[in-house]
């Protein structure tokens, strides 16, 4: 038995824990669009298998195919990401996964002050000069049409993994962005690292791997979600829930 304050100063009334007043909790859930038992259950007890199929995202099949072709042809792959938390966690995640079984892979983080946000001319030059034929950009690239076109002219393909608003012009690249026109992915508010994770999920799925084989990467996704202040709903809530478990139980060296 607990005591709950009433409107009368100095007084209280007993509330049985088994049948207490849950109206406040119900209102909190309702404001989040949760209106039935199953939705509430998913909210409080997320399941990793409730993550959406990554191939629902427009461009995913093409992206996975391009990566696998690059690996079979021994191409050099460059993982390029923004300099902020979302971008660097995304680079770490994709680089970590792909480098487990492939050595011809590098990464590039632009200098915040010399190059600024997004795909830089220096970054494109780095890819060209070092014979990278495939660049996977993370948390950036959706509006870098001119720079990506210059890269394309020099034999460098791009897979753009981004979550920012799409502009009027689309880069000449494979685009993974749930906000792009014609994308039927059911959740639009992933972080940049979250989009990178969906790419890794798709590649691992094609390779016959299970989610348990990539769940150690979820601490990176969780940190990106918090740092980029994206909506803590739907898939982001699942990713955060299990990412926190990884962070607390199997803390990576970097976060240690």
C-alpha atoms as a PDB file:
ATOM      1  CA  UNK A   1       0.000   0.000   0.000  1.00  0.00           C
ATOM      2  CA  UNK A   2       1.275   3.490  -0.866  1.00  0.00           C
ATOM      3  CA  UNK A   3      -0.088   6.945  -0.118  1.00  0.00           C
ATOM      4  CA  UNK A   4      -1.167   9.495  -2.684  1.00  0.00           C
ATOM      5  CA  UNK A   5      -1.677  13.176  -1.932  1.00  0.00           C
ATOM      6  CA  UNK A   6      -5.187  14.596  -2.287  1.00  0.00           C
ATOM      7  CA  UNK A   7      -6.264  18.168  -2.954  1.00  0.00           C
ATOM      8  CA  UNK A   8      -6.518  18.770   0.832  1.00  0.00           C
ATOM      9  CA  UNK A   9      -3.231  20.083   2.300  1.00  0.00           C
ATOM     10  CA  UNK A  10      -1.666  17.690   4.757  1.00  0.00           C
ATOM     11  CA  UNK A  11      -3.937  14.790   3.885  1.00  0.00           C
ATOM     12  CA  UNK A  12      -3.439  11.653   1.810  1.00  0.00           C
ATOM     13  CA  UNK A  13      -5.311   8.598   0.743  1.00  0.00           C
ATOM     14  CA  UNK A  14      -4.146   4.986   0.385  1.00  0.00           C
ATOM     15  CA  UNK A  15      -3.817   3.550  -3.103  1.00  0.00           C
ATOM     16  CA  UNK A  16      -3.566  -0.210  -3.625  1.00  0.00           C
ATOM     17  CA  UNK A  17      -0.634  -1.009  -5.951  1.00  0.00           C
ATOM     18  CA  UNK A  18      -2.713  -3.774  -7.542  1.00  0.00           C
ATOM     19  CA  UNK A  19      -5.495  -1.443  -8.571  1.00  0.00           C
ATOM     20  CA  UNK A  20      -4.008   2.038  -8.412  1.00  0.00           C
ATOM     21  CA  UNK A  21      -4.974   5.020 -10.517  1.00  0.00           C
ATOM     22  CA  UNK A  22      -3.224   4.604 -13.881  1.00  0.00           C
ATOM     23  CA  UNK A  23      -4.877   7.581 -15.546  1.00  0.00           C
ATOM     24  CA  UNK A  24      -1.660   9.625 -15.561  1.00  0.00           C
ATOM     25  CA  UNK A  25       0.276   6.776 -17.189  1.00  0.00           C
ATOM     26  CA  UNK A  26      -2.541   6.208 -19.685  1.00  0.00           C
ATOM     27  CA  UNK A  27      -2.493   9.894 -20.634  1.00  0.00           C
ATOM     28  CA  UNK A  28       1.278   9.787 -21.143  1.00  0.00           C
ATOM     29  CA  UNK A  29       0.924   6.786 -23.455  1.00  0.00           C
ATOM     30  CA  UNK A  30      -2.010   8.324 -25.320  1.00  0.00           C
ATOM     31  CA  UNK A  31      -0.045  11.492 -26.086  1.00  0.00           C
ATOM     32  CA  UNK A  32       2.520   9.232 -27.752  1.00  0.00           C
ATOM     33  CA  UNK A  33      -0.127   7.654 -29.942  1.00  0.00           C
ATOM     34  CA  UNK A  34      -0.248   4.423 -27.928  1.00  0.00           C
ATOM     35  CA  UNK A  35      -3.865   3.368 -27.684  1.00  0.00           C
ATOM     36  CA  UNK A  36      -3.996  -0.369 -27.024  1.00  0.00           C
ATOM     37  CA  UNK A  37      -2.348  -3.126 -25.012  1.00  0.00           C
ATOM     38  CA  UNK A  38      -0.094  -4.455 -27.759  1.00  0.00           C
ATOM     39  CA  UNK A  39       1.276  -0.989 -28.513  1.00  0.00           C
ATOM     40  CA  UNK A  40       1.939  -0.421 -24.814  1.00  0.00           C
ATOM     41  CA  UNK A  41       3.653  -3.803 -24.547  1.00  0.00           C
ATOM     42  CA  UNK A  42       5.968  -2.932 -27.444  1.00  0.00           C
ATOM     43  CA  UNK A  43       6.666   0.464 -25.864  1.00  0.00           C
ATOM     44  CA  UNK A  44       7.770  -0.995 -22.529  1.00  0.00           C
ATOM     45  CA  UNK A  45       9.182  -4.333 -23.729  1.00  0.00           C
ATOM     46  CA  UNK A  46      10.586  -3.899 -27.248  1.00  0.00           C
ATOM     47  CA  UNK A  47      11.589  -6.969 -29.253  1.00  0.00           C
ATOM     48  CA  UNK A  48      14.650  -6.951 -31.501  1.00  0.00           C
ATOM     49  CA  UNK A  49      12.688  -8.874 -34.119  1.00  0.00           C
ATOM     50  CA  UNK A  50      10.255  -5.961 -34.376  1.00  0.00           C
ATOM     51  CA  UNK A  51      12.865  -4.046 -36.387  1.00  0.00           C
ATOM     52  CA  UNK A  52      11.617  -3.357 -39.902  1.00  0.00           C
ATOM     53  CA  UNK A  53      12.858  -5.297 -42.903  1.00  0.00           C
ATOM     54  CA  UNK A  54      15.750  -3.186 -44.279  1.00  0.00           C
ATOM     55  CA  UNK A  55      14.780  -4.067 -47.842  1.00  0.00           C
ATOM     56  CA  UNK A  56      11.636  -1.968 -47.456  1.00  0.00           C
ATOM     57  CA  UNK A  57      13.940   1.041 -47.887  1.00  0.00           C
ATOM     58  CA  UNK A  58      14.194   2.317 -51.437  1.00  0.00           C
ATOM     59  CA  UNK A  59      17.587   1.564 -52.986  1.00  0.00           C
ATOM     60  CA  UNK A  60      18.581  -1.101 -50.462  1.00  0.00           C
ATOM     61  CA  UNK A  61      18.789  -4.012 -52.892  1.00  0.00           C
ATOM     62  CA  UNK A  62      20.950  -1.941 -55.243  1.00  0.00           C
ATOM     63  CA  UNK A  63      23.218  -0.850 -52.369  1.00  0.00           C
ATOM     64  CA  UNK A  64      23.774  -4.398 -51.120  1.00  0.00           C
ATOM     65  CA  UNK A  65      24.433  -5.633 -54.655  1.00  0.00           C
ATOM     66  CA  UNK A  66      26.985  -2.849 -55.276  1.00  0.00           C
ATOM     67  CA  UNK A  67      28.861  -3.662 -52.058  1.00  0.00           C
ATOM     68  CA  UNK A  68      28.980  -7.375 -52.808  1.00  0.00           C
ATOM     69  CA  UNK A  69      30.185  -6.702 -56.367  1.00  0.00           C
ATOM     70  CA  UNK A  70      32.910  -4.420 -55.012  1.00  0.00           C
ATOM     71  CA  UNK A  71      34.099  -7.089 -52.597  1.00  0.00           C
ATOM     72  CA  UNK A  72      34.128  -9.807 -55.260  1.00  0.00           C
ATOM     73  CA  UNK A  73      36.096  -7.535 -57.603  1.00  0.00           C
ATOM     74  CA  UNK A  74      38.569  -6.539 -54.847  1.00  0.00           C
ATOM     75  CA  UNK A  75      37.666  -2.863 -55.168  1.00  0.00           C
ATOM     76  CA  UNK A  76      38.787  -0.318 -52.600  1.00  0.00           C
ATOM     77  CA  UNK A  77      35.836   0.860 -50.480  1.00  0.00           C
ATOM     78  CA  UNK A  78      35.890   4.169 -48.582  1.00  0.00           C
ATOM     79  CA  UNK A  79      33.561   4.800 -45.617  1.00  0.00           C
ATOM     80  CA  UNK A  80      32.939   8.555 -45.470  1.00  0.00           C
ATOM     81  CA  UNK A  81      31.073  10.240 -42.623  1.00  0.00           C
ATOM     82  CA  UNK A  82      30.302  13.597 -41.115  1.00  0.00           C
ATOM     83  CA  UNK A  83      32.485  14.818 -38.240  1.00  0.00           C
ATOM     84  CA  UNK A  84      29.716  14.937 -35.615  1.00  0.00           C
ATOM     85  CA  UNK A  85      28.631  12.116 -33.283  1.00  0.00           C
ATOM     86  CA  UNK A  86      26.031  10.742 -35.672  1.00  0.00           C
ATOM     87  CA  UNK A  87      28.509  10.672 -38.535  1.00  0.00           C
ATOM     88  CA  UNK A  88      31.452   9.206 -36.632  1.00  0.00           C
ATOM     89  CA  UNK A  89      29.388   6.463 -35.002  1.00  0.00           C
ATOM     90  CA  UNK A  90      27.994   5.609 -38.438  1.00  0.00           C
ATOM     91  CA  UNK A  91      31.488   5.347 -39.936  1.00  0.00           C
ATOM     92  CA  UNK A  92      32.619   3.183 -37.027  1.00  0.00           C
ATOM     93  CA  UNK A  93      29.616   0.880 -37.390  1.00  0.00           C
ATOM     94  CA  UNK A  94      29.869   0.271 -41.146  1.00  0.00           C
ATOM     95  CA  UNK A  95      33.679   0.070 -41.093  1.00  0.00           C
ATOM     96  CA  UNK A  96      33.589  -2.378 -38.175  1.00  0.00           C
ATOM     97  CA  UNK A  97      31.171  -4.692 -39.939  1.00  0.00           C
ATOM     98  CA  UNK A  98      32.636  -4.661 -43.440  1.00  0.00           C
ATOM     99  CA  UNK A  99      36.248  -4.921 -42.274  1.00  0.00           C
ATOM    100  CA  UNK A 100      35.524  -8.174 -40.414  1.00  0.00           C
ATOM    101  CA  UNK A 101      35.843 -10.087 -43.668  1.00  0.00           C
ATOM    102  CA  UNK A 102      37.321  -7.564 -46.104  1.00  0.00           C
ATOM    103  CA  UNK A 103      40.639  -5.741 -45.928  1.00  0.00           C
ATOM    104  CA  UNK A 104      40.491  -3.271 -48.818  1.00  0.00           C
ATOM    105  CA  UNK A 105      38.505  -0.713 -46.913  1.00  0.00           C
ATOM    106  CA  UNK A 106      39.318   2.737 -45.528  1.00  0.00           C
ATOM    107  CA  UNK A 107      37.535   5.606 -43.821  1.00  0.00           C
ATOM    108  CA  UNK A 108      37.481   9.381 -44.090  1.00  0.00           C
ATOM    109  CA  UNK A 109      36.227  12.007 -41.630  1.00  0.00           C
ATOM    110  CA  UNK A 110      36.380  15.571 -43.025  1.00  0.00           C
ATOM    111  CA  UNK A 111      38.116  18.296 -41.039  1.00  0.00           C
ATOM    112  CA  UNK A 112      35.397  20.345 -39.378  1.00  0.00           C
ATOM    113  CA  UNK A 113      37.143  23.693 -39.911  1.00  0.00           C
ATOM    114  CA  UNK A 114      38.995  23.184 -43.196  1.00  0.00           C
ATOM    115  CA  UNK A 115      36.375  21.166 -45.080  1.00  0.00           C
ATOM    116  CA  UNK A 116      33.093  21.842 -43.308  1.00  0.00           C
ATOM    117  CA  UNK A 117      29.956  19.719 -43.364  1.00  0.00           C
ATOM    118  CA  UNK A 118      29.152  17.119 -46.006  1.00  0.00           C
ATOM    119  CA  UNK A 119      31.083  15.697 -48.930  1.00  0.00           C
ATOM    120  CA  UNK A 120      34.118  17.930 -49.453  1.00  0.00           C
ATOM    121  CA  UNK A 121      36.286  18.515 -52.518  1.00  0.00           C
ATOM    122  CA  UNK A 122      39.219  17.265 -50.451  1.00  0.00           C
ATOM    123  CA  UNK A 123      37.314  14.083 -49.654  1.00  0.00           C
ATOM    124  CA  UNK A 124      36.505  13.456 -53.315  1.00  0.00           C
ATOM    125  CA  UNK A 125      40.154  14.086 -54.216  1.00  0.00           C
ATOM    126  CA  UNK A 126      41.220  11.612 -51.516  1.00  0.00           C
ATOM    127  CA  UNK A 127      38.972   8.926 -52.987  1.00  0.00           C
ATOM    128  CA  UNK A 128      40.210   9.547 -56.543  1.00  0.00           C
ATOM    129  CA  UNK A 129      43.895   9.809 -55.626  1.00  0.00           C
ATOM    130  CA  UNK A 130      43.814   6.605 -53.563  1.00  0.00           C
ATOM    131  CA  UNK A 131      41.909   4.495 -56.105  1.00  0.00           C
ATOM    132  CA  UNK A 132      38.692   4.081 -54.122  1.00  0.00           C
ATOM    133  CA  UNK A 133      36.017   3.047 -56.607  1.00  0.00           C
ATOM    134  CA  UNK A 134      33.142   2.937 -54.088  1.00  0.00           C
ATOM    135  CA  UNK A 135      32.344   5.460 -51.373  1.00  0.00           C
ATOM    136  CA  UNK A 136      29.672   4.828 -48.748  1.00  0.00           C
ATOM    137  CA  UNK A 137      28.747   8.222 -47.296  1.00  0.00           C
ATOM    138  CA  UNK A 138      27.003   8.343 -43.943  1.00  0.00           C
ATOM    139  CA  UNK A 139      24.964  11.163 -42.396  1.00  0.00           C
ATOM    140  CA  UNK A 140      25.744  13.329 -45.420  1.00  0.00           C
ATOM    141  CA  UNK A 141      25.688  13.467 -49.204  1.00  0.00           C
ATOM    142  CA  UNK A 142      22.018  13.844 -50.072  1.00  0.00           C
ATOM    143  CA  UNK A 143      22.550  17.396 -51.402  1.00  0.00           C
ATOM    144  CA  UNK A 144      26.103  17.043 -52.743  1.00  0.00           C
ATOM    145  CA  UNK A 145      25.093  16.565 -56.371  1.00  0.00           C
ATOM    146  CA  UNK A 146      28.010  18.403 -57.997  1.00  0.00           C
ATOM    147  CA  UNK A 147      30.779  16.788 -55.943  1.00  0.00           C
ATOM    148  CA  UNK A 148      29.325  13.316 -56.354  1.00  0.00           C
ATOM    149  CA  UNK A 149      29.026  13.925 -60.114  1.00  0.00           C
ATOM    150  CA  UNK A 150      32.729  14.844 -60.239  1.00  0.00           C
ATOM    151  CA  UNK A 151      33.546  11.656 -58.362  1.00  0.00           C
ATOM    152  CA  UNK A 152      31.416   9.642 -60.790  1.00  0.00           C
ATOM    153  CA  UNK A 153      33.251  11.158 -63.748  1.00  0.00           C
ATOM    154  CA  UNK A 154      36.485   9.893 -62.208  1.00  0.00           C
ATOM    155  CA  UNK A 155      35.275   6.322 -61.703  1.00  0.00           C
ATOM    156  CA  UNK A 156      34.038   6.631 -58.110  1.00  0.00           C
ATOM    157  CA  UNK A 157      30.546   5.358 -57.279  1.00  0.00           C
ATOM    158  CA  UNK A 158      28.613   6.554 -54.223  1.00  0.00           C
ATOM    159  CA  UNK A 159      26.120   4.902 -51.889  1.00  0.00           C
ATOM    160  CA  UNK A 160      24.588   7.805 -49.977  1.00  0.00           C
ATOM    161  CA  UNK A 161      23.175   6.879 -46.536  1.00  0.00           C
ATOM    162  CA  UNK A 162      21.487   9.979 -45.179  1.00  0.00           C
ATOM    163  CA  UNK A 163      18.495  11.047 -43.119  1.00  0.00           C
ATOM    164  CA  UNK A 164      18.330  14.750 -43.888  1.00  0.00           C
ATOM    165  CA  UNK A 165      15.632  16.392 -45.997  1.00  0.00           C
ATOM    166  CA  UNK A 166      16.034  15.648 -49.691  1.00  0.00           C
ATOM    167  CA  UNK A 167      16.542  18.628 -51.999  1.00  0.00           C
ATOM    168  CA  UNK A 168      15.173  19.242 -55.472  1.00  0.00           C
ATOM    169  CA  UNK A 169      18.223  17.642 -57.112  1.00  0.00           C
ATOM    170  CA  UNK A 170      19.222  14.054 -56.354  1.00  0.00           C
ATOM    171  CA  UNK A 171      22.873  12.935 -56.543  1.00  0.00           C
ATOM    172  CA  UNK A 172      23.896  10.449 -59.230  1.00  0.00           C
ATOM    173  CA  UNK A 173      24.267   7.675 -56.670  1.00  0.00           C
ATOM    174  CA  UNK A 174      22.458   4.863 -54.897  1.00  0.00           C
ATOM    175  CA  UNK A 175      20.376   6.655 -52.272  1.00  0.00           C
ATOM    176  CA  UNK A 176      19.342   5.240 -48.897  1.00  0.00           C
ATOM    177  CA  UNK A 177      17.162   7.825 -47.198  1.00  0.00           C
ATOM    178  CA  UNK A 178      13.697   7.027 -45.794  1.00  0.00           C
ATOM    179  CA  UNK A 179      12.649  10.622 -46.542  1.00  0.00           C
ATOM    180  CA  UNK A 180      13.225  10.400 -50.294  1.00  0.00           C
ATOM    181  CA  UNK A 181      10.252  10.360 -52.652  1.00  0.00           C
ATOM    182  CA  UNK A 182       8.924   6.905 -53.385  1.00  0.00           C
ATOM    183  CA  UNK A 183      10.453   5.303 -50.298  1.00  0.00           C
ATOM    184  CA  UNK A 184       7.943   3.103 -48.492  1.00  0.00           C
ATOM    185  CA  UNK A 185      10.092   2.492 -45.423  1.00  0.00           C
ATOM    186  CA  UNK A 186       7.625   2.679 -42.499  1.00  0.00           C
ATOM    187  CA  UNK A 187       9.784   4.829 -40.194  1.00  0.00           C
ATOM    188  CA  UNK A 188      11.176   8.141 -41.416  1.00  0.00           C
ATOM    189  CA  UNK A 189      13.088   9.389 -38.362  1.00  0.00           C
ATOM    190  CA  UNK A 190      16.206   7.215 -38.267  1.00  0.00           C
ATOM    191  CA  UNK A 191      19.531   8.819 -37.395  1.00  0.00           C
ATOM    192  CA  UNK A 192      22.322   8.785 -39.967  1.00  0.00           C
ATOM    193  CA  UNK A 193      23.921   5.929 -38.056  1.00  0.00           C
ATOM    194  CA  UNK A 194      20.524   4.236 -38.002  1.00  0.00           C
ATOM    195  CA  UNK A 195      20.440   4.273 -41.813  1.00  0.00           C
ATOM    196  CA  UNK A 196      23.959   2.834 -41.781  1.00  0.00           C
ATOM    197  CA  UNK A 197      22.778   0.077 -39.467  1.00  0.00           C
ATOM    198  CA  UNK A 198      19.910  -0.770 -41.824  1.00  0.00           C
ATOM    199  CA  UNK A 199      22.494  -1.181 -44.610  1.00  0.00           C
ATOM    200  CA  UNK A 200      24.565  -3.501 -42.424  1.00  0.00           C
ATOM    201  CA  UNK A 201      21.403  -5.386 -41.435  1.00  0.00           C
ATOM    202  CA  UNK A 202      20.564  -5.887 -45.113  1.00  0.00           C
ATOM    203  CA  UNK A 203      24.073  -7.088 -46.027  1.00  0.00           C
ATOM    204  CA  UNK A 204      24.152  -9.488 -43.079  1.00  0.00           C
ATOM    205  CA  UNK A 205      20.683 -10.762 -43.962  1.00  0.00           C
ATOM    206  CA  UNK A 206      21.799 -11.593 -47.515  1.00  0.00           C
ATOM    207  CA  UNK A 207      24.812 -13.402 -46.064  1.00  0.00           C
ATOM    208  CA  UNK A 208      22.547 -15.566 -43.940  1.00  0.00           C
ATOM    209  CA  UNK A 209      23.529 -13.985 -40.637  1.00  0.00           C
ATOM    210  CA  UNK A 210      21.156 -13.325 -37.746  1.00  0.00           C
ATOM    211  CA  UNK A 211      20.537 -10.121 -35.834  1.00  0.00           C
ATOM    212  CA  UNK A 212      22.501 -11.509 -32.902  1.00  0.00           C
ATOM    213  CA  UNK A 213      25.633 -11.381 -35.056  1.00  0.00           C
ATOM    214  CA  UNK A 214      25.393  -7.598 -35.449  1.00  0.00           C
ATOM    215  CA  UNK A 215      23.700  -6.605 -32.188  1.00  0.00           C
ATOM    216  CA  UNK A 216      27.066  -5.616 -30.698  1.00  0.00           C
ATOM    217  CA  UNK A 217      26.911  -2.580 -33.014  1.00  0.00           C
ATOM    218  CA  UNK A 218      23.735  -1.205 -31.438  1.00  0.00           C
ATOM    219  CA  UNK A 219      25.557   0.832 -28.781  1.00  0.00           C
ATOM    220  CA  UNK A 220      26.820   3.022 -31.626  1.00  0.00           C
ATOM    221  CA  UNK A 221      23.292   3.451 -32.986  1.00  0.00           C
ATOM    222  CA  UNK A 222      21.962   4.275 -29.513  1.00  0.00           C
ATOM    223  CA  UNK A 223      24.580   6.988 -28.962  1.00  0.00           C
ATOM    224  CA  UNK A 224      23.804   8.501 -32.375  1.00  0.00           C
ATOM    225  CA  UNK A 225      20.076   8.576 -31.596  1.00  0.00           C
ATOM    226  CA  UNK A 226      20.674  10.447 -28.349  1.00  0.00           C
ATOM    227  CA  UNK A 227      23.271  12.836 -29.747  1.00  0.00           C
ATOM    228  CA  UNK A 228      21.277  13.735 -32.859  1.00  0.00           C
ATOM    229  CA  UNK A 229      18.052  14.140 -30.846  1.00  0.00           C
ATOM    230  CA  UNK A 230      15.892  12.182 -33.284  1.00  0.00           C
ATOM    231  CA  UNK A 231      12.426  10.937 -32.337  1.00  0.00           C
ATOM    232  CA  UNK A 232      12.542   8.342 -29.546  1.00  0.00           C
ATOM    233  CA  UNK A 233       9.680   6.369 -31.055  1.00  0.00           C
ATOM    234  CA  UNK A 234       9.074   3.290 -33.195  1.00  0.00           C
ATOM    235  CA  UNK A 235      12.322   1.732 -34.436  1.00  0.00           C
ATOM    236  CA  UNK A 236      14.511   4.271 -32.630  1.00  0.00           C
ATOM    237  CA  UNK A 237      13.077   3.121 -29.309  1.00  0.00           C
ATOM    238  CA  UNK A 238      13.924  -0.500 -30.110  1.00  0.00           C
ATOM    239  CA  UNK A 239      17.450   0.383 -31.228  1.00  0.00           C
ATOM    240  CA  UNK A 240      17.984   2.490 -28.104  1.00  0.00           C
ATOM    241  CA  UNK A 241      16.609  -0.168 -25.753  1.00  0.00           C
ATOM    242  CA  UNK A 242      18.967  -2.866 -26.993  1.00  0.00           C
ATOM    243  CA  UNK A 243      21.810  -0.421 -27.578  1.00  0.00           C
ATOM    244  CA  UNK A 244      21.743   0.502 -23.895  1.00  0.00           C
ATOM    245  CA  UNK A 245      21.945  -3.175 -22.976  1.00  0.00           C
ATOM    246  CA  UNK A 246      25.068  -3.585 -25.121  1.00  0.00           C
ATOM    247  CA  UNK A 247      26.600  -0.411 -23.697  1.00  0.00           C
ATOM    248  CA  UNK A 248      26.111  -1.623 -20.135  1.00  0.00           C
ATOM    249  CA  UNK A 249      26.925  -5.314 -20.570  1.00  0.00           C
ATOM    250  CA  UNK A 250      29.481  -5.470 -23.385  1.00  0.00           C
ATOM    251  CA  UNK A 251      31.005  -2.020 -23.410  1.00  0.00           C
ATOM    252  CA  UNK A 252      33.304  -1.498 -26.391  1.00  0.00           C
ATOM    253  CA  UNK A 253      36.844  -0.219 -25.921  1.00  0.00           C
ATOM    254  CA  UNK A 254      35.960   3.117 -27.482  1.00  0.00           C
ATOM    255  CA  UNK A 255      33.118   3.814 -25.076  1.00  0.00           C
ATOM    256  CA  UNK A 256      35.105   2.526 -22.127  1.00  0.00           C
END
